């Protein structure tokens, strides 16, 4: 198991790698963190974002679904919100709205202005 301080640093490095377009590095870091801490949402979020940045929508959606099954309750709004973004990017708007609604008051869901039946943004 990776110690908590090391996990925090690895998460940061993984997000930087994803931002800098180093997909394989980011994927390796986040995958190791998922194996070490399968009940924490942050590694799934990182892996999802890395896949999303590469346009790998099926893989990003699988990360969200895996994270929702495995993670703690407090991590689920992040995963629901990002799942909604992935679904919107895939053109699955009704499913996207439902996922964003499940995210509740999450800032990302609010940014998409979900109000029951209409998503204000489109892809």
PDB file of N, CA and C in Angstrom:
ATOM      1  N   UNK A   1       0.845  -1.184   0.000  1.00  0.00           N
ATOM      2  CA  UNK A   1       0.000   0.000   0.000  1.00  0.00           C
ATOM      3  C   UNK A   1       0.887   1.242   0.000  1.00  0.00           C
ATOM      4  N   UNK A   2       0.503   2.216  -0.780  1.00  0.00           N
ATOM      5  CA  UNK A   2       1.246   3.474  -0.885  1.00  0.00           C
ATOM      6  C   UNK A   2       0.846   4.369   0.290  1.00  0.00           C
ATOM      7  N   UNK A   3       1.825   4.902   1.038  1.00  0.00           N
ATOM      8  CA  UNK A   3       1.505   5.805   2.154  1.00  0.00           C
ATOM      9  C   UNK A   3       0.755   7.050   1.681  1.00  0.00           C
ATOM     10  N   UNK A   4      -0.054   7.616   2.557  1.00  0.00           N
ATOM     11  CA  UNK A   4      -0.925   8.748   2.225  1.00  0.00           C
ATOM     12  C   UNK A   4      -0.149   9.943   1.649  1.00  0.00           C
ATOM     13  N   UNK A   5       0.985  10.310   2.255  1.00  0.00           N
ATOM     14  CA  UNK A   5       1.768  11.441   1.729  1.00  0.00           C
ATOM     15  C   UNK A   5       2.281  11.157   0.326  1.00  0.00           C
ATOM     16  N   UNK A   6       2.777   9.946   0.123  1.00  0.00           N
ATOM     17  CA  UNK A   6       3.266   9.569  -1.208  1.00  0.00           C
ATOM     18  C   UNK A   6       2.117   9.547  -2.212  1.00  0.00           C
ATOM     19  N   UNK A   7       0.954   9.089  -1.776  1.00  0.00           N
ATOM     20  CA  UNK A   7      -0.215   9.067  -2.657  1.00  0.00           C
ATOM     21  C   UNK A   7      -0.547  10.474  -3.137  1.00  0.00           C
ATOM     22  N   UNK A   8      -0.534  11.430  -2.220  1.00  0.00           N
ATOM     23  CA  UNK A   8      -0.854  12.813  -2.580  1.00  0.00           C
ATOM     24  C   UNK A   8       0.143  13.336  -3.626  1.00  0.00           C
ATOM     25  N   UNK A   9       1.421  13.065  -3.436  1.00  0.00           N
ATOM     26  CA  UNK A   9       2.440  13.516  -4.393  1.00  0.00           C
ATOM     27  C   UNK A   9       2.286  12.813  -5.737  1.00  0.00           C
ATOM     28  N   UNK A  10       1.997  11.531  -5.697  1.00  0.00           N
ATOM     29  CA  UNK A  10       1.800  10.797  -6.951  1.00  0.00           C
ATOM     30  C   UNK A  10       0.573  11.300  -7.707  1.00  0.00           C
ATOM     31  N   UNK A  11      -0.504  11.599  -6.985  1.00  0.00           N
ATOM     32  CA  UNK A  11      -1.684  12.170  -7.639  1.00  0.00           C
ATOM     33  C   UNK A  11      -1.315  13.467  -8.352  1.00  0.00           C
ATOM     34  N   UNK A  12      -0.581  14.318  -7.657  1.00  0.00           N
ATOM     35  CA  UNK A  12      -0.172  15.587  -8.247  1.00  0.00           C
ATOM     36  C   UNK A  12       0.667  15.350  -9.504  1.00  0.00           C
ATOM     37  N   UNK A  13       1.634  14.441  -9.415  1.00  0.00           N
ATOM     38  CA  UNK A  13       2.462  14.119 -10.578  1.00  0.00           C
ATOM     39  C   UNK A  13       1.634  13.546 -11.722  1.00  0.00           C
ATOM     40  N   UNK A  14       0.667  12.701 -11.391  1.00  0.00           N
ATOM     41  CA  UNK A  14      -0.196  12.136 -12.420  1.00  0.00           C
ATOM     42  C   UNK A  14      -1.000  13.193 -13.149  1.00  0.00           C
ATOM     43  N   UNK A  15      -1.552  14.153 -12.384  1.00  0.00           N
ATOM     44  CA  UNK A  15      -2.319  15.225 -13.022  1.00  0.00           C
ATOM     45  C   UNK A  15      -1.414  16.119 -13.874  1.00  0.00           C
ATOM     46  N   UNK A  16      -0.192  16.365 -13.393  1.00  0.00           N
ATOM     47  CA  UNK A  16       0.751  17.144 -14.206  1.00  0.00           C
ATOM     48  C   UNK A  16       1.106  16.394 -15.488  1.00  0.00           C
ATOM     49  N   UNK A  17       1.348  15.103 -15.378  1.00  0.00           N
ATOM     50  CA  UNK A  17       1.665  14.306 -16.566  1.00  0.00           C
ATOM     51  C   UNK A  17       0.517  14.361 -17.568  1.00  0.00           C
ATOM     52  N   UNK A  18      -0.716  14.239 -17.086  1.00  0.00           N
ATOM     53  CA  UNK A  18      -1.875  14.319 -17.985  1.00  0.00           C
ATOM     54  C   UNK A  18      -1.946  15.692 -18.647  1.00  0.00           C
ATOM     55  N   UNK A  19      -1.698  16.716 -17.865  1.00  0.00           N
ATOM     56  CA  UNK A  19      -1.761  18.083 -18.404  1.00  0.00           C
ATOM     57  C   UNK A  19      -0.699  18.306 -19.461  1.00  0.00           C
ATOM     58  N   UNK A  20       0.471  17.725 -19.269  1.00  0.00           N
ATOM     59  CA  UNK A  20       1.582  17.895 -20.201  1.00  0.00           C
ATOM     60  C   UNK A  20       1.524  16.914 -21.366  1.00  0.00           C
ATOM     61  N   UNK A  21       0.450  16.143 -21.457  1.00  0.00           N
ATOM     62  CA  UNK A  21       0.290  15.225 -22.575  1.00  0.00           C
ATOM     63  C   UNK A  21       1.095  13.942 -22.450  1.00  0.00           C
ATOM     64  N   UNK A  22       1.547  13.619 -21.276  1.00  0.00           N
ATOM     65  CA  UNK A  22       2.311  12.390 -21.030  1.00  0.00           C
ATOM     66  C   UNK A  22       1.351  11.306 -20.572  1.00  0.00           C
ATOM     67  N   UNK A  23       0.536  10.855 -21.513  1.00  0.00           N
ATOM     68  CA  UNK A  23      -0.560   9.939 -21.193  1.00  0.00           C
ATOM     69  C   UNK A  23      -0.075   8.661 -20.524  1.00  0.00           C
ATOM     70  N   UNK A  24       0.944   8.040 -21.076  1.00  0.00           N
ATOM     71  CA  UNK A  24       1.401   6.752 -20.516  1.00  0.00           C
ATOM     72  C   UNK A  24       1.908   6.908 -19.085  1.00  0.00           C
ATOM     73  N   UNK A  25       2.592   8.009 -18.812  1.00  0.00           N
ATOM     74  CA  UNK A  25       3.073   8.266 -17.449  1.00  0.00           C
ATOM     75  C   UNK A  25       1.874   8.453 -16.516  1.00  0.00           C
ATOM     76  N   UNK A  26       0.926   9.288 -16.936  1.00  0.00           N
ATOM     77  CA  UNK A  26      -0.265   9.527 -16.117  1.00  0.00           C
ATOM     78  C   UNK A  26      -1.034   8.231 -15.892  1.00  0.00           C
ATOM     79  N   UNK A  27      -1.218   7.471 -16.956  1.00  0.00           N
ATOM     80  CA  UNK A  27      -1.960   6.209 -16.837  1.00  0.00           C
ATOM     81  C   UNK A  27      -1.258   5.256 -15.872  1.00  0.00           C
ATOM     82  N   UNK A  28       0.045   5.172 -15.960  1.00  0.00           N
ATOM     83  CA  UNK A  28       0.791   4.283 -15.067  1.00  0.00           C
ATOM     84  C   UNK A  28       0.651   4.704 -13.606  1.00  0.00           C
ATOM     85  N   UNK A  29       0.772   6.000 -13.346  1.00  0.00           N
ATOM     86  CA  UNK A  29       0.655   6.502 -11.974  1.00  0.00           C
ATOM     87  C   UNK A  29      -0.742   6.236 -11.425  1.00  0.00           C
ATOM     88  N   UNK A  30      -1.760   6.630 -12.177  1.00  0.00           N
ATOM     89  CA  UNK A  30      -3.129   6.473 -11.677  1.00  0.00           C
ATOM     90  C   UNK A  30      -3.527   5.007 -11.553  1.00  0.00           C
ATOM     91  N   UNK A  31      -3.074   4.177 -12.481  1.00  0.00           N
ATOM     92  CA  UNK A  31      -3.383   2.741 -12.389  1.00  0.00           C
ATOM     93  C   UNK A  31      -2.763   2.128 -11.139  1.00  0.00           C
ATOM     94  N   UNK A  32      -1.528   2.520 -10.826  1.00  0.00           N
ATOM     95  CA  UNK A  32      -0.885   2.019  -9.604  1.00  0.00           C
ATOM     96  C   UNK A  32      -1.642   2.478  -8.365  1.00  0.00           C
ATOM     97  N   UNK A  33      -2.114   3.718  -8.376  1.00  0.00           N
ATOM     98  CA  UNK A  33      -2.872   4.232  -7.236  1.00  0.00           C
ATOM     99  C   UNK A  33      -4.221   3.537  -7.092  1.00  0.00           C
ATOM    100  N   UNK A  34      -4.860   3.217  -8.206  1.00  0.00           N
ATOM    101  CA  UNK A  34      -6.129   2.466  -8.148  1.00  0.00           C
ATOM    102  C   UNK A  34      -5.882   1.099  -7.516  1.00  0.00           C
ATOM    103  N   UNK A  35      -4.803   0.445  -7.908  1.00  0.00           N
ATOM    104  CA  UNK A  35      -4.489  -0.868  -7.329  1.00  0.00           C
ATOM    105  C   UNK A  35      -4.183  -0.765  -5.840  1.00  0.00           C
ATOM    106  N   UNK A  36      -3.499   0.301  -5.449  1.00  0.00           N
ATOM    107  CA  UNK A  36      -3.110   0.468  -4.053  1.00  0.00           C
ATOM    108  C   UNK A  36      -4.273   0.916  -3.173  1.00  0.00           C
ATOM    109  N   UNK A  37      -5.141   1.772  -3.712  1.00  0.00           N
ATOM    110  CA  UNK A  37      -6.259   2.343  -2.950  1.00  0.00           C
ATOM    111  C   UNK A  37      -7.546   2.290  -3.784  1.00  0.00           C
ATOM    112  N   UNK A  38      -8.089   1.099  -3.997  1.00  0.00           N
ATOM    113  CA  UNK A  38      -9.256   0.993  -4.881  1.00  0.00           C
ATOM    114  C   UNK A  38     -10.520   1.680  -4.350  1.00  0.00           C
ATOM    115  N   UNK A  39     -10.533   2.030  -3.080  1.00  0.00           N
ATOM    116  CA  UNK A  39     -11.727   2.655  -2.512  1.00  0.00           C
ATOM    117  C   UNK A  39     -11.677   4.183  -2.557  1.00  0.00           C
ATOM    118  N   UNK A  40     -10.623   4.756  -3.116  1.00  0.00           N
ATOM    119  CA  UNK A  40     -10.491   6.206  -3.199  1.00  0.00           C
ATOM    120  C   UNK A  40     -10.794   6.672  -4.613  1.00  0.00           C
ATOM    121  N   UNK A  41     -11.556   7.734  -4.719  1.00  0.00           N
ATOM    122  CA  UNK A  41     -11.992   8.206  -6.027  1.00  0.00           C
ATOM    123  C   UNK A  41     -10.950   8.941  -6.841  1.00  0.00           C
ATOM    124  N   UNK A  42      -9.998   9.604  -6.189  1.00  0.00           N
ATOM    125  CA  UNK A  42      -9.052  10.462  -6.912  1.00  0.00           C
ATOM    126  C   UNK A  42      -8.263   9.731  -7.998  1.00  0.00           C
ATOM    127  N   UNK A  43      -7.757   8.515  -7.757  1.00  0.00           N
ATOM    128  CA  UNK A  43      -7.045   7.845  -8.850  1.00  0.00           C
ATOM    129  C   UNK A  43      -7.943   7.545 -10.054  1.00  0.00           C
ATOM    130  N   UNK A  44      -9.213   7.214  -9.810  1.00  0.00           N
ATOM    131  CA  UNK A  44     -10.147   6.978 -10.914  1.00  0.00           C
ATOM    132  C   UNK A  44     -10.394   8.285 -11.670  1.00  0.00           C
ATOM    133  N   UNK A  45     -10.521   9.385 -10.922  1.00  0.00           N
ATOM    134  CA  UNK A  45     -10.706  10.690 -11.555  1.00  0.00           C
ATOM    135  C   UNK A  45      -9.516  11.011 -12.450  1.00  0.00           C
ATOM    136  N   UNK A  46      -8.311  10.795 -11.933  1.00  0.00           N
ATOM    137  CA  UNK A  46      -7.114  11.064 -12.725  1.00  0.00           C
ATOM    138  C   UNK A  46      -7.039  10.221 -13.975  1.00  0.00           C
ATOM    139  N   UNK A  47      -7.324   8.942 -13.828  1.00  0.00           N
ATOM    140  CA  UNK A  47      -7.302   8.045 -14.981  1.00  0.00           C
ATOM    141  C   UNK A  47      -8.369   8.444 -15.990  1.00  0.00           C
ATOM    142  N   UNK A  48      -9.542   8.798 -15.510  1.00  0.00           N
ATOM    143  CA  UNK A  48     -10.625   9.249 -16.383  1.00  0.00           C
ATOM    144  C   UNK A  48     -10.199  10.499 -17.159  1.00  0.00           C
ATOM    145  N   UNK A  49      -9.619  11.465 -16.469  1.00  0.00           N
ATOM    146  CA  UNK A  49      -9.209  12.709 -17.121  1.00  0.00           C
ATOM    147  C   UNK A  49      -8.117  12.451 -18.158  1.00  0.00           C
ATOM    148  N   UNK A  50      -7.180  11.570 -17.832  1.00  0.00           N
ATOM    149  CA  UNK A  50      -6.131  11.240 -18.795  1.00  0.00           C
ATOM    150  C   UNK A  50      -6.728  10.625 -20.059  1.00  0.00           C
ATOM    151  N   UNK A  51      -7.691   9.717 -19.887  1.00  0.00           N
ATOM    152  CA  UNK A  51      -8.348   9.111 -21.054  1.00  0.00           C
ATOM    153  C   UNK A  51      -9.180  10.141 -21.816  1.00  0.00           C
ATOM    154  N   UNK A  52      -9.885  10.976 -21.094  1.00  0.00           N
ATOM    155  CA  UNK A  52     -10.721  11.995 -21.727  1.00  0.00           C
ATOM    156  C   UNK A  52      -9.862  12.952 -22.559  1.00  0.00           C
ATOM    157  N   UNK A  53      -8.720  13.333 -22.023  1.00  0.00           N
ATOM    158  CA  UNK A  53      -7.829  14.249 -22.743  1.00  0.00           C
ATOM    159  C   UNK A  53      -7.325  13.638 -24.051  1.00  0.00           C
ATOM    160  N   UNK A  54      -7.221  12.338 -24.100  1.00  0.00           N
ATOM    161  CA  UNK A  54      -6.789  11.638 -25.314  1.00  0.00           C
ATOM    162  C   UNK A  54      -7.955  11.309 -26.240  1.00  0.00           C
ATOM    163  N   UNK A  55      -9.179  11.619 -25.802  1.00  0.00           N
ATOM    164  CA  UNK A  55     -10.346  11.293 -26.614  1.00  0.00           C
ATOM    165  C   UNK A  55     -10.769   9.845 -26.499  1.00  0.00           C
ATOM    166  N   UNK A  56     -10.275   9.145 -25.498  1.00  0.00           N
ATOM    167  CA  UNK A  56     -10.636   7.740 -25.263  1.00  0.00           C
ATOM    168  C   UNK A  56     -11.903   7.684 -24.418  1.00  0.00           C
ATOM    169  N   UNK A  57     -13.036   7.979 -25.029  1.00  0.00           N
ATOM    170  CA  UNK A  57     -14.290   8.080 -24.287  1.00  0.00           C
ATOM    171  C   UNK A  57     -14.748   6.767 -23.662  1.00  0.00           C
ATOM    172  N   UNK A  58     -14.691   5.629 -24.366  1.00  0.00           N
ATOM    173  CA  UNK A  58     -15.112   4.378 -23.712  1.00  0.00           C
ATOM    174  C   UNK A  58     -14.265   4.052 -22.474  1.00  0.00           C
ATOM    175  N   UNK A  59     -12.960   4.298 -22.564  1.00  0.00           N
ATOM    176  CA  UNK A  59     -12.087   4.029 -21.432  1.00  0.00           C
ATOM    177  C   UNK A  59     -12.366   4.995 -20.281  1.00  0.00           C
ATOM    178  N   UNK A  60     -12.615   6.264 -20.610  1.00  0.00           N
ATOM    179  CA  UNK A  60     -12.945   7.256 -19.581  1.00  0.00           C
ATOM    180  C   UNK A  60     -14.239   6.878 -18.870  1.00  0.00           C
ATOM    181  N   UNK A  61     -15.227   6.446 -19.635  1.00  0.00           N
ATOM    182  CA  UNK A  61     -16.498   6.031 -19.043  1.00  0.00           C
ATOM    183  C   UNK A  61     -16.305   4.802 -18.148  1.00  0.00           C
ATOM    184  N   UNK A  62     -15.475   3.865 -18.590  1.00  0.00           N
ATOM    185  CA  UNK A  62     -15.195   2.680 -17.772  1.00  0.00           C
ATOM    186  C   UNK A  62     -14.523   3.066 -16.455  1.00  0.00           C
ATOM    187  N   UNK A  63     -13.634   4.059 -16.482  1.00  0.00           N
ATOM    188  CA  UNK A  63     -13.004   4.538 -15.244  1.00  0.00           C
ATOM    189  C   UNK A  63     -14.038   5.114 -14.292  1.00  0.00           C
ATOM    190  N   UNK A  64     -14.965   5.897 -14.832  1.00  0.00           N
ATOM    191  CA  UNK A  64     -16.024   6.463 -13.983  1.00  0.00           C
ATOM    192  C   UNK A  64     -16.864   5.350 -13.374  1.00  0.00           C
ATOM    193  N   UNK A  65     -17.251   4.389 -14.181  1.00  0.00           N
ATOM    194  CA  UNK A  65     -18.092   3.293 -13.683  1.00  0.00           C
ATOM    195  C   UNK A  65     -17.357   2.442 -12.650  1.00  0.00           C
ATOM    196  N   UNK A  66     -16.085   2.144 -12.920  1.00  0.00           N
ATOM    197  CA  UNK A  66     -15.293   1.373 -11.955  1.00  0.00           C
ATOM    198  C   UNK A  66     -15.164   2.138 -10.644  1.00  0.00           C
ATOM    199  N   UNK A  67     -14.882   3.428 -10.743  1.00  0.00           N
ATOM    200  CA  UNK A  67     -14.746   4.257  -9.553  1.00  0.00           C
ATOM    201  C   UNK A  67     -16.032   4.357  -8.764  1.00  0.00           C
ATOM    202  N   UNK A  68     -17.151   4.461  -9.451  1.00  0.00           N
ATOM    203  CA  UNK A  68     -18.434   4.537  -8.752  1.00  0.00           C
ATOM    204  C   UNK A  68     -18.742   3.247  -8.006  1.00  0.00           C
ATOM    205  N   UNK A  69     -18.341   2.125  -8.563  1.00  0.00           N
ATOM    206  CA  UNK A  69     -18.560   0.840  -7.880  1.00  0.00           C
ATOM    207  C   UNK A  69     -17.642   0.673  -6.674  1.00  0.00           C
ATOM    208  N   UNK A  70     -16.419   1.184  -6.763  1.00  0.00           N
ATOM    209  CA  UNK A  70     -15.408   0.876  -5.758  1.00  0.00           C
ATOM    210  C   UNK A  70     -15.194   1.960  -4.705  1.00  0.00           C
ATOM    211  N   UNK A  71     -15.502   3.198  -5.027  1.00  0.00           N
ATOM    212  CA  UNK A  71     -15.074   4.297  -4.162  1.00  0.00           C
ATOM    213  C   UNK A  71     -16.046   4.573  -3.020  1.00  0.00           C
ATOM    214  N   UNK A  72     -15.551   5.391  -2.114  1.00  0.00           N
ATOM    215  CA  UNK A  72     -16.324   5.817  -0.945  1.00  0.00           C
ATOM    216  C   UNK A  72     -17.403   6.814  -1.372  1.00  0.00           C
ATOM    217  N   UNK A  73     -18.436   6.916  -0.569  1.00  0.00           N
ATOM    218  CA  UNK A  73     -19.554   7.809  -0.877  1.00  0.00           C
ATOM    219  C   UNK A  73     -19.115   9.247  -1.138  1.00  0.00           C
ATOM    220  N   UNK A  74     -18.163   9.758  -0.342  1.00  0.00           N
ATOM    221  CA  UNK A  74     -17.767  11.161  -0.490  1.00  0.00           C
ATOM    222  C   UNK A  74     -17.045  11.448  -1.808  1.00  0.00           C
ATOM    223  N   UNK A  75     -16.563  10.411  -2.484  1.00  0.00           N
ATOM    224  CA  UNK A  75     -15.885  10.592  -3.763  1.00  0.00           C
ATOM    225  C   UNK A  75     -16.835  10.486  -4.955  1.00  0.00           C
ATOM    226  N   UNK A  76     -18.033  10.024  -4.726  1.00  0.00           N
ATOM    227  CA  UNK A  76     -18.933   9.749  -5.847  1.00  0.00           C
ATOM    228  C   UNK A  76     -19.433  10.977  -6.597  1.00  0.00           C
ATOM    229  N   UNK A  77     -19.669  12.127  -5.951  1.00  0.00           N
ATOM    230  CA  UNK A  77     -20.105  13.281  -6.749  1.00  0.00           C
ATOM    231  C   UNK A  77     -19.105  13.670  -7.841  1.00  0.00           C
ATOM    232  N   UNK A  78     -17.799  13.608  -7.537  1.00  0.00           N
ATOM    233  CA  UNK A  78     -16.789  13.900  -8.566  1.00  0.00           C
ATOM    234  C   UNK A  78     -16.934  12.949  -9.744  1.00  0.00           C
ATOM    235  N   UNK A  79     -17.091  11.672  -9.423  1.00  0.00           N
ATOM    236  CA  UNK A  79     -17.176  10.658 -10.480  1.00  0.00           C
ATOM    237  C   UNK A  79     -18.472  10.775 -11.276  1.00  0.00           C
ATOM    238  N   UNK A  80     -19.586  11.060 -10.606  1.00  0.00           N
ATOM    239  CA  UNK A  80     -20.844  11.269 -11.337  1.00  0.00           C
ATOM    240  C   UNK A  80     -20.730  12.477 -12.269  1.00  0.00           C
ATOM    241  N   UNK A  81     -20.134  13.566 -11.774  1.00  0.00           N
ATOM    242  CA  UNK A  81     -20.009  14.776 -12.592  1.00  0.00           C
ATOM    243  C   UNK A  81     -19.140  14.509 -13.821  1.00  0.00           C
ATOM    244  N   UNK A  82     -18.002  13.868 -13.610  1.00  0.00           N
ATOM    245  CA  UNK A  82     -17.126  13.581 -14.746  1.00  0.00           C
ATOM    246  C   UNK A  82     -17.738  12.549 -15.689  1.00  0.00           C
ATOM    247  N   UNK A  83     -18.488  11.609 -15.135  1.00  0.00           N
ATOM    248  CA  UNK A  83     -19.200  10.650 -15.988  1.00  0.00           C
ATOM    249  C   UNK A  83     -20.175  11.402 -16.899  1.00  0.00           C
ATOM    250  N   UNK A  84     -20.838  12.412 -16.330  1.00  0.00           N
ATOM    251  CA  UNK A  84     -21.747  13.224 -17.125  1.00  0.00           C
ATOM    252  C   UNK A  84     -21.042  13.960 -18.250  1.00  0.00           C
ATOM    253  N   UNK A  85     -19.842  14.456 -17.989  1.00  0.00           N
ATOM    254  CA  UNK A  85     -19.058  15.143 -19.017  1.00  0.00           C
ATOM    255  C   UNK A  85     -18.678  14.172 -20.132  1.00  0.00           C
ATOM    256  N   UNK A  86     -18.230  12.981 -19.753  1.00  0.00           N
ATOM    257  CA  UNK A  86     -17.847  11.981 -20.750  1.00  0.00           C
ATOM    258  C   UNK A  86     -19.050  11.598 -21.608  1.00  0.00           C
ATOM    259  N   UNK A  87     -20.181  11.376 -20.970  1.00  0.00           N
ATOM    260  CA  UNK A  87     -21.388  11.001 -21.715  1.00  0.00           C
ATOM    261  C   UNK A  87     -21.818  12.120 -22.662  1.00  0.00           C
ATOM    262  N   UNK A  88     -21.700  13.368 -22.219  1.00  0.00           N
ATOM    263  CA  UNK A  88     -22.036  14.502 -23.091  1.00  0.00           C
ATOM    264  C   UNK A  88     -21.088  14.541 -24.288  1.00  0.00           C
ATOM    265  N   UNK A  89     -19.806  14.319 -24.036  1.00  0.00           N
ATOM    266  CA  UNK A  89     -18.838  14.316 -25.130  1.00  0.00           C
ATOM    267  C   UNK A  89     -19.114  13.199 -26.123  1.00  0.00           C
ATOM    268  N   UNK A  90     -19.710  12.114 -25.634  1.00  0.00           N
ATOM    269  CA  UNK A  90     -20.058  10.981 -26.502  1.00  0.00           C
ATOM    270  C   UNK A  90     -21.414  11.169 -27.181  1.00  0.00           C
ATOM    271  N   UNK A  91     -22.069  12.297 -26.932  1.00  0.00           N
ATOM    272  CA  UNK A  91     -23.367  12.559 -27.542  1.00  0.00           C
ATOM    273  C   UNK A  91     -24.525  11.867 -26.859  1.00  0.00           C
ATOM    274  N   UNK A  92     -24.304  11.358 -25.672  1.00  0.00           N
ATOM    275  CA  UNK A  92     -25.351  10.643 -24.930  1.00  0.00           C
ATOM    276  C   UNK A  92     -25.950  11.599 -23.899  1.00  0.00           C
ATOM    277  N   UNK A  93     -26.676  12.593 -24.394  1.00  0.00           N
ATOM    278  CA  UNK A  93     -27.114  13.724 -23.587  1.00  0.00           C
ATOM    279  C   UNK A  93     -28.089  13.357 -22.471  1.00  0.00           C
ATOM    280  N   UNK A  94     -29.035  12.496 -22.720  1.00  0.00           N
ATOM    281  CA  UNK A  94     -29.993  12.136 -21.654  1.00  0.00           C
ATOM    282  C   UNK A  94     -29.272  11.452 -20.494  1.00  0.00           C
ATOM    283  N   UNK A  95     -28.356  10.556 -20.819  1.00  0.00           N
ATOM    284  CA  UNK A  95     -27.575   9.885 -19.769  1.00  0.00           C
ATOM    285  C   UNK A  95     -26.658  10.879 -19.060  1.00  0.00           C
ATOM    286  N   UNK A  96     -26.135  11.844 -19.820  1.00  0.00           N
ATOM    287  CA  UNK A  96     -25.278  12.870 -19.246  1.00  0.00           C
ATOM    288  C   UNK A  96     -26.035  13.697 -18.220  1.00  0.00           C
ATOM    289  N   UNK A  97     -27.232  14.114 -18.578  1.00  0.00           N
ATOM    290  CA  UNK A  97     -28.056  14.904 -17.653  1.00  0.00           C
ATOM    291  C   UNK A  97     -28.318  14.112 -16.379  1.00  0.00           C
ATOM    292  N   UNK A  98     -28.656  12.833 -16.513  1.00  0.00           N
ATOM    293  CA  UNK A  98     -28.926  12.004 -15.327  1.00  0.00           C
ATOM    294  C   UNK A  98     -27.686  11.891 -14.446  1.00  0.00           C
ATOM    295  N   UNK A  99     -26.520  11.697 -15.047  1.00  0.00           N
ATOM    296  CA  UNK A  99     -25.283  11.588 -14.260  1.00  0.00           C
ATOM    297  C   UNK A  99     -24.969  12.907 -13.563  1.00  0.00           C
ATOM    298  N   UNK A 100     -25.132  14.019 -14.268  1.00  0.00           N
ATOM    299  CA  UNK A 100     -24.867  15.317 -13.668  1.00  0.00           C
ATOM    300  C   UNK A 100     -25.860  15.622 -12.544  1.00  0.00           C
ATOM    301  N   UNK A 101     -27.084  15.171 -12.695  1.00  0.00           N
ATOM    302  CA  UNK A 101     -28.057  15.356 -11.611  1.00  0.00           C
ATOM    303  C   UNK A 101     -27.657  14.543 -10.386  1.00  0.00           C
ATOM    304  N   UNK A 102     -27.126  13.332 -10.607  1.00  0.00           N
ATOM    305  CA  UNK A 102     -26.671  12.509  -9.481  1.00  0.00           C
ATOM    306  C   UNK A 102     -25.492  13.156  -8.766  1.00  0.00           C
ATOM    307  N   UNK A 103     -24.751  14.016  -9.466  1.00  0.00           N
ATOM    308  CA  UNK A 103     -23.626  14.721  -8.843  1.00  0.00           C
ATOM    309  C   UNK A 103     -24.103  15.790  -7.872  1.00  0.00           C
ATOM    310  N   UNK A 104     -25.375  16.136  -7.941  1.00  0.00           N
ATOM    311  CA  UNK A 104     -25.953  17.098  -6.999  1.00  0.00           C
ATOM    312  C   UNK A 104     -25.384  18.489  -7.163  1.00  0.00           C
ATOM    313  N   UNK A 105     -24.913  19.056  -6.063  1.00  0.00           N
ATOM    314  CA  UNK A 105     -24.425  20.435  -6.055  1.00  0.00           C
ATOM    315  C   UNK A 105     -22.948  20.530  -6.443  1.00  0.00           C
ATOM    316  N   UNK A 106     -22.416  19.489  -7.021  1.00  0.00           N
ATOM    317  CA  UNK A 106     -21.016  19.512  -7.446  1.00  0.00           C
ATOM    318  C   UNK A 106     -20.799  20.692  -8.403  1.00  0.00           C
ATOM    319  N   UNK A 107     -19.718  21.441  -8.230  1.00  0.00           N
ATOM    320  CA  UNK A 107     -19.495  22.618  -9.096  1.00  0.00           C
ATOM    321  C   UNK A 107     -19.477  22.308 -10.587  1.00  0.00           C
ATOM    322  N   UNK A 108     -18.956  21.158 -10.968  1.00  0.00           N
ATOM    323  CA  UNK A 108     -18.933  20.799 -12.388  1.00  0.00           C
ATOM    324  C   UNK A 108     -20.348  20.608 -12.914  1.00  0.00           C
ATOM    325  N   UNK A 109     -21.195  19.964 -12.129  1.00  0.00           N
ATOM    326  CA  UNK A 109     -22.588  19.784 -12.537  1.00  0.00           C
ATOM    327  C   UNK A 109     -23.287  21.137 -12.647  1.00  0.00           C
ATOM    328  N   UNK A 110     -22.982  22.026 -11.718  1.00  0.00           N
ATOM    329  CA  UNK A 110     -23.583  23.353 -11.762  1.00  0.00           C
ATOM    330  C   UNK A 110     -23.094  24.135 -12.977  1.00  0.00           C
ATOM    331  N   UNK A 111     -21.847  23.945 -13.347  1.00  0.00           N
ATOM    332  CA  UNK A 111     -21.304  24.630 -14.525  1.00  0.00           C
ATOM    333  C   UNK A 111     -22.017  24.206 -15.797  1.00  0.00           C
ATOM    334  N   UNK A 112     -22.520  22.996 -15.809  1.00  0.00           N
ATOM    335  CA  UNK A 112     -23.263  22.517 -16.969  1.00  0.00           C
ATOM    336  C   UNK A 112     -24.738  22.910 -16.899  1.00  0.00           C
ATOM    337  N   UNK A 113     -25.110  23.607 -15.829  1.00  0.00           N
ATOM    338  CA  UNK A 113     -26.462  24.165 -15.685  1.00  0.00           C
ATOM    339  C   UNK A 113     -27.556  23.130 -15.904  1.00  0.00           C
ATOM    340  N   UNK A 114     -27.474  22.028 -15.191  1.00  0.00           N
ATOM    341  CA  UNK A 114     -28.493  20.996 -15.287  1.00  0.00           C
ATOM    342  C   UNK A 114     -29.678  21.426 -14.432  1.00  0.00           C
ATOM    343  N   UNK A 115     -30.826  21.467 -15.032  1.00  0.00           N
ATOM    344  CA  UNK A 115     -32.037  21.860 -14.312  1.00  0.00           C
ATOM    345  C   UNK A 115     -33.181  20.903 -14.666  1.00  0.00           C
ATOM    346  N   UNK A 116     -33.052  19.674 -14.232  1.00  0.00           N
ATOM    347  CA  UNK A 116     -34.122  18.712 -14.424  1.00  0.00           C
ATOM    348  C   UNK A 116     -34.105  18.018 -15.767  1.00  0.00           C
ATOM    349  N   UNK A 117     -34.292  18.765 -16.832  1.00  0.00           N
ATOM    350  CA  UNK A 117     -34.421  18.089 -18.120  1.00  0.00           C
ATOM    351  C   UNK A 117     -33.603  18.722 -19.240  1.00  0.00           C
ATOM    352  N   UNK A 118     -32.865  19.763 -18.944  1.00  0.00           N
ATOM    353  CA  UNK A 118     -32.162  20.454 -20.025  1.00  0.00           C
ATOM    354  C   UNK A 118     -30.705  20.654 -19.634  1.00  0.00           C
ATOM    355  N   UNK A 119     -29.810  20.301 -20.531  1.00  0.00           N
ATOM    356  CA  UNK A 119     -28.414  20.621 -20.341  1.00  0.00           C
ATOM    357  C   UNK A 119     -28.106  21.790 -21.254  1.00  0.00           C
ATOM    358  N   UNK A 120     -27.644  22.883 -20.666  1.00  0.00           N
ATOM    359  CA  UNK A 120     -27.456  24.107 -21.402  1.00  0.00           C
ATOM    360  C   UNK A 120     -26.290  24.030 -22.395  1.00  0.00           C
ATOM    361  N   UNK A 121     -25.276  23.249 -22.081  1.00  0.00           N
ATOM    362  CA  UNK A 121     -24.112  23.165 -22.958  1.00  0.00           C
ATOM    363  C   UNK A 121     -24.253  21.960 -23.873  1.00  0.00           C
ATOM    364  N   UNK A 122     -23.689  22.074 -25.018  1.00  0.00           N
ATOM    365  CA  UNK A 122     -23.672  20.927 -25.921  1.00  0.00           C
ATOM    366  C   UNK A 122     -22.267  20.759 -26.471  1.00  0.00           C
ATOM    367  N   UNK A 123     -21.996  19.574 -26.959  1.00  0.00           N
ATOM    368  CA  UNK A 123     -20.674  19.275 -27.495  1.00  0.00           C
ATOM    369  C   UNK A 123     -20.752  19.139 -28.985  1.00  0.00           C
TER     370      UNK A 123
END
